[in-house]
Amino acid sequence: MMYLLAYLFNLSRGLLRDGRGATTAEYALVLALVVVILISSLTALGNALNQKIKMIIDQITNAK
């Protein structure tokens, strides 16, 4: 197990030292991650706003 961790550590160090820059696949992974975070954030925001609007409508209709 230690040998595997050491191998992965050395591999990652080598990749970080590589000066060729990010590849298209890396950009695609970053973009996919950003899209997933954006969708989940907007969904949560939409649900929160929906609940807030329903609460306001209930208060208005009950005030009569």
Foldseek 3Di string as FASTA:
>chain_A
DVVVVVVVVVVVVVVVPDPPDDDPVVVVVVVVVVVVVVVVVVVVVVVVVVVVVVVVVVVVVVVD
